[in-house]
């Protein structure tokens, strides 16, 4: 059974698409708990695990860190909150961070061969 100090099963069920804490990698859940502790604020997860089929249907690669239970998108409402999330993630050793208009993506995709030490944005 997968565990997390700060993230309940219900939070994963509210994600888009809905998932389970069991879909996530335990080391990644531990990392998320550390990021939450360092940030000092609640972290609201928009997206966590996505199946390969879901990813492909949305026009994605089908091999994202999300499909391995190694990624989350965390909602933010202010630039100060965004900063706290990114700073905490960086201090916890996260090597892959993406910034969107209202979310921060963090993952451990380097464990499945994705590039490490990268920062990107989702703005078009």
N, C-alpha and C. Protein backbone atom coordinates (compact mmCIF):
# COMPACT_ATOMS: atom_id res chain seq x y z
N UNK A 1 0.84 -1.19 0.00
CA UNK A 1 0.00 0.00 0.00
C UNK A 1 0.88 1.25 0.00
N UNK A 2 0.63 2.15 -0.94
CA UNK A 2 1.41 3.38 -1.05
C UNK A 2 0.97 4.36 0.05
N UNK A 3 1.95 5.09 0.59
CA UNK A 3 1.65 6.01 1.69
C UNK A 3 2.15 7.41 1.37
N UNK A 4 1.51 8.37 2.01
CA UNK A 4 1.91 9.77 1.91
C UNK A 4 1.42 10.49 3.15
N UNK A 5 2.28 11.30 3.70
CA UNK A 5 1.91 12.07 4.89
C UNK A 5 0.94 13.20 4.54
N UNK A 6 1.10 13.80 3.36
CA UNK A 6 0.35 15.01 3.02
C UNK A 6 -0.71 14.84 1.94
N UNK A 7 -0.71 13.73 1.21
CA UNK A 7 -1.61 13.60 0.07
C UNK A 7 -2.52 12.39 0.24
N UNK A 8 -3.82 12.65 0.32
CA UNK A 8 -4.80 11.60 0.55
C UNK A 8 -5.22 10.94 -0.76
N UNK A 9 -5.82 9.79 -0.64
CA UNK A 9 -6.36 9.09 -1.80
C UNK A 9 -7.38 9.98 -2.52
N UNK A 10 -8.20 10.69 -1.76
CA UNK A 10 -9.23 11.56 -2.35
C UNK A 10 -8.63 12.62 -3.26
N UNK A 11 -7.45 13.12 -2.92
CA UNK A 11 -6.81 14.13 -3.76
C UNK A 11 -6.45 13.57 -5.14
N UNK A 12 -6.04 12.32 -5.18
CA UNK A 12 -5.71 11.71 -6.47
C UNK A 12 -6.98 11.42 -7.26
N UNK A 13 -8.05 11.10 -6.59
CA UNK A 13 -9.33 10.84 -7.27
C UNK A 13 -9.88 12.11 -7.92
N UNK A 14 -9.52 13.30 -7.38
CA UNK A 14 -9.99 14.58 -7.94
C UNK A 14 -9.14 15.06 -9.11
N UNK A 15 -8.04 14.39 -9.39
CA UNK A 15 -7.17 14.78 -10.49
C UNK A 15 -7.87 14.60 -11.84
N UNK A 16 -7.31 15.25 -12.85
CA UNK A 16 -7.75 15.05 -14.22
C UNK A 16 -6.60 14.41 -14.98
N UNK A 17 -6.75 13.16 -15.41
CA UNK A 17 -7.85 12.24 -15.14
C UNK A 17 -7.75 11.70 -13.72
N UNK A 18 -8.86 11.22 -13.18
CA UNK A 18 -8.81 10.64 -11.83
C UNK A 18 -7.83 9.46 -11.79
N UNK A 19 -7.15 9.33 -10.68
CA UNK A 19 -6.22 8.22 -10.50
C UNK A 19 -6.23 7.81 -9.04
N UNK A 20 -5.28 7.02 -8.66
CA UNK A 20 -5.17 6.52 -7.29
C UNK A 20 -3.76 6.76 -6.78
N UNK A 21 -3.63 6.90 -5.48
CA UNK A 21 -2.29 7.01 -4.90
C UNK A 21 -1.48 5.75 -5.24
N UNK A 22 -2.17 4.62 -5.40
CA UNK A 22 -1.50 3.36 -5.76
C UNK A 22 -0.85 3.41 -7.14
N UNK A 23 -1.30 4.32 -8.01
CA UNK A 23 -0.71 4.47 -9.34
C UNK A 23 0.65 5.16 -9.29
N UNK A 24 0.94 5.80 -8.17
CA UNK A 24 2.15 6.60 -8.06
C UNK A 24 3.32 5.78 -7.54
N UNK A 25 4.52 6.20 -7.89
CA UNK A 25 5.75 5.61 -7.40
C UNK A 25 5.97 6.05 -5.95
N UNK A 26 6.32 5.12 -5.05
CA UNK A 26 6.48 5.47 -3.64
C UNK A 26 7.61 6.47 -3.42
N UNK A 27 8.72 6.33 -4.12
CA UNK A 27 9.81 7.31 -3.97
C UNK A 27 9.34 8.70 -4.38
N UNK A 28 8.50 8.77 -5.42
CA UNK A 28 7.99 10.06 -5.85
C UNK A 28 7.03 10.63 -4.80
N UNK A 29 6.19 9.79 -4.19
CA UNK A 29 5.31 10.26 -3.12
C UNK A 29 6.12 10.81 -1.95
N UNK A 30 7.22 10.13 -1.62
CA UNK A 30 8.10 10.62 -0.56
C UNK A 30 8.69 11.99 -0.93
N UNK A 31 9.09 12.12 -2.18
CA UNK A 31 9.60 13.41 -2.66
C UNK A 31 8.53 14.49 -2.53
N UNK A 32 7.31 14.16 -2.93
CA UNK A 32 6.21 15.14 -2.83
C UNK A 32 5.97 15.57 -1.39
N UNK A 33 6.05 14.64 -0.46
CA UNK A 33 5.90 14.99 0.95
C UNK A 33 7.00 15.96 1.37
N UNK A 34 8.23 15.74 0.90
CA UNK A 34 9.33 16.64 1.22
C UNK A 34 9.13 18.02 0.60
N UNK A 35 8.67 18.05 -0.65
CA UNK A 35 8.40 19.34 -1.30
C UNK A 35 7.33 20.10 -0.52
N UNK A 36 6.27 19.41 -0.12
CA UNK A 36 5.19 20.03 0.65
C UNK A 36 5.72 20.59 1.96
N UNK A 37 6.55 19.82 2.65
CA UNK A 37 7.12 20.26 3.93
C UNK A 37 7.99 21.51 3.72
N UNK A 38 8.85 21.48 2.73
CA UNK A 38 9.74 22.63 2.47
C UNK A 38 8.97 23.86 2.01
N UNK A 39 7.94 23.66 1.18
CA UNK A 39 7.16 24.80 0.68
C UNK A 39 6.39 25.46 1.82
N UNK A 40 5.96 24.67 2.78
CA UNK A 40 5.23 25.20 3.93
C UNK A 40 3.81 25.64 3.62
N UNK A 41 3.29 25.16 2.50
CA UNK A 41 1.92 25.50 2.08
C UNK A 41 1.25 24.22 1.56
N UNK A 42 -0.08 24.17 1.60
CA UNK A 42 -0.76 23.02 0.99
C UNK A 42 -0.47 22.99 -0.51
N UNK A 43 -0.31 21.80 -1.06
CA UNK A 43 -0.11 21.65 -2.50
C UNK A 43 -1.33 20.95 -3.07
N UNK A 44 -1.98 21.59 -4.04
CA UNK A 44 -3.17 21.04 -4.66
C UNK A 44 -2.77 20.42 -5.99
N UNK A 45 -2.99 19.12 -6.12
CA UNK A 45 -2.61 18.39 -7.31
C UNK A 45 -3.73 18.45 -8.35
N UNK A 46 -3.40 18.94 -9.55
CA UNK A 46 -4.35 18.95 -10.67
C UNK A 46 -4.30 17.64 -11.44
N UNK A 47 -3.11 17.13 -11.63
CA UNK A 47 -2.89 15.96 -12.47
C UNK A 47 -1.75 15.15 -11.87
N UNK A 48 -1.91 13.83 -11.85
CA UNK A 48 -0.85 12.96 -11.36
C UNK A 48 -0.65 11.85 -12.39
N UNK A 49 -1.05 10.64 -12.07
CA UNK A 49 -0.88 9.52 -13.00
C UNK A 49 -1.83 9.66 -14.20
N UNK A 50 -1.30 9.36 -15.38
CA UNK A 50 -2.10 9.25 -16.60
C UNK A 50 -1.70 7.97 -17.31
N UNK A 51 -2.66 7.22 -17.77
CA UNK A 51 -2.32 5.99 -18.51
C UNK A 51 -1.68 6.36 -19.85
N UNK A 52 -0.96 5.42 -20.41
CA UNK A 52 -0.34 5.63 -21.72
C UNK A 52 -1.43 5.93 -22.76
N UNK A 53 -2.54 5.19 -22.72
CA UNK A 53 -3.64 5.40 -23.68
C UNK A 53 -4.22 6.80 -23.55
N UNK A 54 -4.41 7.26 -22.32
CA UNK A 54 -4.94 8.60 -22.09
C UNK A 54 -3.99 9.63 -22.69
N UNK A 55 -2.71 9.45 -22.42
CA UNK A 55 -1.69 10.37 -22.94
C UNK A 55 -1.72 10.42 -24.47
N UNK A 56 -1.76 9.26 -25.09
CA UNK A 56 -1.78 9.20 -26.55
C UNK A 56 -3.04 9.84 -27.12
N UNK A 57 -4.19 9.62 -26.51
CA UNK A 57 -5.45 10.21 -26.98
C UNK A 57 -5.43 11.73 -26.90
N UNK A 58 -4.61 12.27 -26.00
CA UNK A 58 -4.49 13.72 -25.86
C UNK A 58 -3.37 14.29 -26.74
N UNK A 59 -2.81 13.46 -27.60
CA UNK A 59 -1.77 13.91 -28.52
C UNK A 59 -0.39 14.00 -27.91
N UNK A 60 -0.20 13.35 -26.78
CA UNK A 60 1.10 13.36 -26.11
C UNK A 60 1.89 12.12 -26.50
N UNK A 61 3.10 12.01 -25.99
CA UNK A 61 4.02 10.94 -26.38
C UNK A 61 3.62 9.55 -25.90
N UNK A 62 2.90 9.47 -24.81
CA UNK A 62 2.58 8.19 -24.21
C UNK A 62 3.69 7.67 -23.31
N UNK A 63 4.75 8.45 -23.18
CA UNK A 63 5.89 8.04 -22.35
C UNK A 63 6.30 9.15 -21.38
N UNK A 64 5.35 9.97 -20.97
CA UNK A 64 5.69 11.05 -20.04
C UNK A 64 5.93 10.48 -18.65
N UNK A 65 6.52 11.26 -17.79
CA UNK A 65 6.72 10.83 -16.41
C UNK A 65 5.38 10.54 -15.73
N UNK A 66 4.32 11.22 -16.17
CA UNK A 66 2.99 10.95 -15.61
C UNK A 66 2.60 9.48 -15.81
N UNK A 67 2.96 8.90 -16.94
CA UNK A 67 2.55 7.52 -17.25
C UNK A 67 3.31 6.49 -16.41
N UNK A 68 4.30 6.95 -15.68
CA UNK A 68 5.08 6.07 -14.80
C UNK A 68 4.81 6.36 -13.32
N UNK A 69 3.86 7.24 -13.04
CA UNK A 69 3.59 7.61 -11.65
C UNK A 69 4.70 8.43 -11.03
N UNK A 70 5.41 9.17 -11.89
CA UNK A 70 6.57 9.95 -11.44
C UNK A 70 6.40 11.44 -11.67
N UNK A 71 5.16 11.93 -11.78
CA UNK A 71 4.95 13.35 -12.06
C UNK A 71 3.63 13.82 -11.48
N UNK A 72 3.60 15.12 -11.15
CA UNK A 72 2.36 15.80 -10.76
C UNK A 72 2.38 17.22 -11.31
N UNK A 73 1.19 17.75 -11.50
CA UNK A 73 1.01 19.17 -11.79
C UNK A 73 0.34 19.77 -10.57
N UNK A 74 0.94 20.80 -10.00
CA UNK A 74 0.47 21.42 -8.77
C UNK A 74 -0.08 22.80 -9.09
N UNK A 75 -1.31 23.04 -8.70
CA UNK A 75 -1.97 24.32 -8.98
C UNK A 75 -1.38 25.44 -8.11
N UNK A 76 -1.29 26.63 -8.72
CA UNK A 76 -0.96 27.84 -7.94
C UNK A 76 -1.85 28.98 -8.42
N UNK A 77 -2.09 29.94 -7.52
CA UNK A 77 -2.94 31.09 -7.83
C UNK A 77 -2.19 32.41 -7.84
N UNK A 78 -0.99 32.43 -7.25
CA UNK A 78 -0.21 33.67 -7.20
C UNK A 78 1.24 33.36 -7.56
N UNK A 79 1.97 34.37 -7.98
CA UNK A 79 3.37 34.18 -8.31
C UNK A 79 4.17 33.80 -7.07
N UNK A 80 3.77 34.29 -5.90
CA UNK A 80 4.46 33.94 -4.66
C UNK A 80 4.31 32.45 -4.36
N UNK A 81 3.13 31.91 -4.61
CA UNK A 81 2.91 30.48 -4.41
C UNK A 81 3.72 29.67 -5.41
N UNK A 82 3.74 30.11 -6.66
CA UNK A 82 4.54 29.45 -7.69
C UNK A 82 6.00 29.40 -7.25
N UNK A 83 6.51 30.51 -6.77
CA UNK A 83 7.90 30.58 -6.33
C UNK A 83 8.18 29.60 -5.20
N UNK A 84 7.28 29.52 -4.22
CA UNK A 84 7.47 28.61 -3.09
C UNK A 84 7.53 27.16 -3.57
N UNK A 85 6.68 26.81 -4.51
CA UNK A 85 6.66 25.44 -5.03
C UNK A 85 7.95 25.13 -5.78
N UNK A 86 8.36 26.02 -6.68
CA UNK A 86 9.57 25.80 -7.47
C UNK A 86 10.80 25.77 -6.57
N UNK A 87 10.88 26.68 -5.63
CA UNK A 87 12.04 26.73 -4.72
C UNK A 87 12.12 25.44 -3.90
N UNK A 88 11.00 25.01 -3.35
CA UNK A 88 10.99 23.78 -2.55
C UNK A 88 11.37 22.57 -3.40
N UNK A 89 10.83 22.50 -4.62
CA UNK A 89 11.15 21.38 -5.50
C UNK A 89 12.65 21.35 -5.79
N UNK A 90 13.20 22.50 -6.12
CA UNK A 90 14.62 22.59 -6.42
C UNK A 90 15.46 22.16 -5.20
N UNK A 91 15.08 22.65 -4.02
CA UNK A 91 15.82 22.32 -2.80
C UNK A 91 15.72 20.84 -2.45
N UNK A 92 14.66 20.18 -2.91
CA UNK A 92 14.48 18.75 -2.66
C UNK A 92 15.14 17.89 -3.74
N UNK A 93 15.80 18.52 -4.69
CA UNK A 93 16.54 17.79 -5.69
C UNK A 93 15.78 17.47 -6.97
N UNK A 94 14.62 18.08 -7.17
CA UNK A 94 13.88 17.84 -8.41
C UNK A 94 14.70 18.38 -9.57
N UNK A 95 14.86 17.56 -10.60
CA UNK A 95 15.68 17.91 -11.75
C UNK A 95 14.88 18.22 -13.00
N UNK A 96 13.53 18.16 -12.88
CA UNK A 96 12.66 18.43 -14.03
C UNK A 96 11.46 19.24 -13.56
N UNK A 97 11.39 20.49 -13.97
CA UNK A 97 10.33 21.40 -13.54
C UNK A 97 9.76 22.12 -14.76
N UNK A 98 8.44 22.13 -14.87
CA UNK A 98 7.76 22.87 -15.93
C UNK A 98 6.81 23.87 -15.29
N UNK A 99 6.70 25.05 -15.89
CA UNK A 99 5.84 26.09 -15.34
C UNK A 99 4.78 26.48 -16.35
N UNK A 100 3.52 26.35 -15.93
CA UNK A 100 2.39 26.74 -16.75
C UNK A 100 1.74 27.99 -16.19
N UNK A 101 0.69 28.43 -16.83
CA UNK A 101 -0.01 29.65 -16.42
C UNK A 101 -0.53 29.56 -14.99
N UNK A 102 -0.98 28.37 -14.58
CA UNK A 102 -1.52 28.23 -13.22
C UNK A 102 -1.11 26.91 -12.56
N UNK A 103 -0.03 26.31 -13.03
CA UNK A 103 0.45 25.08 -12.41
C UNK A 103 1.96 24.93 -12.56
N UNK A 104 2.53 24.17 -11.63
CA UNK A 104 3.94 23.78 -11.71
C UNK A 104 3.98 22.27 -11.86
N UNK A 105 4.68 21.81 -12.88
CA UNK A 105 4.89 20.38 -13.10
C UNK A 105 6.22 20.01 -12.48
N UNK A 106 6.22 18.95 -11.67
CA UNK A 106 7.49 18.41 -11.19
C UNK A 106 7.48 16.90 -11.44
N UNK A 107 8.65 16.37 -11.77
CA UNK A 107 8.70 14.93 -12.00
C UNK A 107 10.08 14.37 -11.73
N UNK A 108 10.14 13.04 -11.74
CA UNK A 108 11.38 12.28 -11.62
C UNK A 108 11.59 11.47 -12.90
N UNK A 109 11.31 12.08 -14.03
CA UNK A 109 11.41 11.40 -15.31
C UNK A 109 12.80 10.94 -15.68
N UNK A 110 13.80 11.49 -15.03
CA UNK A 110 15.16 11.03 -15.30
C UNK A 110 15.30 9.54 -14.97
N UNK A 111 14.44 9.04 -14.10
CA UNK A 111 14.47 7.61 -13.74
C UNK A 111 14.03 6.71 -14.89
N UNK A 112 13.32 7.29 -15.87
CA UNK A 112 12.88 6.51 -17.03
C UNK A 112 13.50 7.03 -18.32
N UNK A 113 14.64 7.71 -18.18
CA UNK A 113 15.41 8.11 -19.35
C UNK A 113 15.09 9.48 -19.93
N UNK A 114 14.25 10.25 -19.26
CA UNK A 114 13.98 11.61 -19.74
C UNK A 114 15.12 12.53 -19.31
N UNK A 115 15.36 13.62 -20.04
CA UNK A 115 16.49 14.50 -19.71
C UNK A 115 16.37 15.09 -18.30
N UNK A 116 17.50 15.25 -17.65
CA UNK A 116 17.51 15.84 -16.31
C UNK A 116 18.08 17.25 -16.36
N UNK A 117 17.95 17.95 -15.24
CA UNK A 117 18.42 19.33 -15.10
C UNK A 117 17.81 20.22 -16.17
N UNK A 118 16.46 20.16 -16.26
CA UNK A 118 15.73 20.97 -17.23
C UNK A 118 14.60 21.74 -16.56
N UNK A 119 14.35 22.90 -17.12
CA UNK A 119 13.24 23.77 -16.70
C UNK A 119 12.58 24.25 -17.97
N UNK A 120 11.25 24.15 -18.04
CA UNK A 120 10.55 24.57 -19.25
C UNK A 120 9.26 25.28 -18.89
N UNK A 121 8.63 25.87 -19.91
CA UNK A 121 7.33 26.52 -19.69
C UNK A 121 6.34 25.97 -20.70
N UNK A 122 5.06 26.19 -20.40
CA UNK A 122 3.98 25.72 -21.26
C UNK A 122 3.26 26.86 -21.97
N UNK A 123 3.87 28.03 -21.98
CA UNK A 123 3.23 29.19 -22.60
C UNK A 123 3.35 29.12 -24.12
N UNK A 124 2.27 29.43 -24.81
CA UNK A 124 2.30 29.49 -26.28
C UNK A 124 2.00 30.88 -26.76
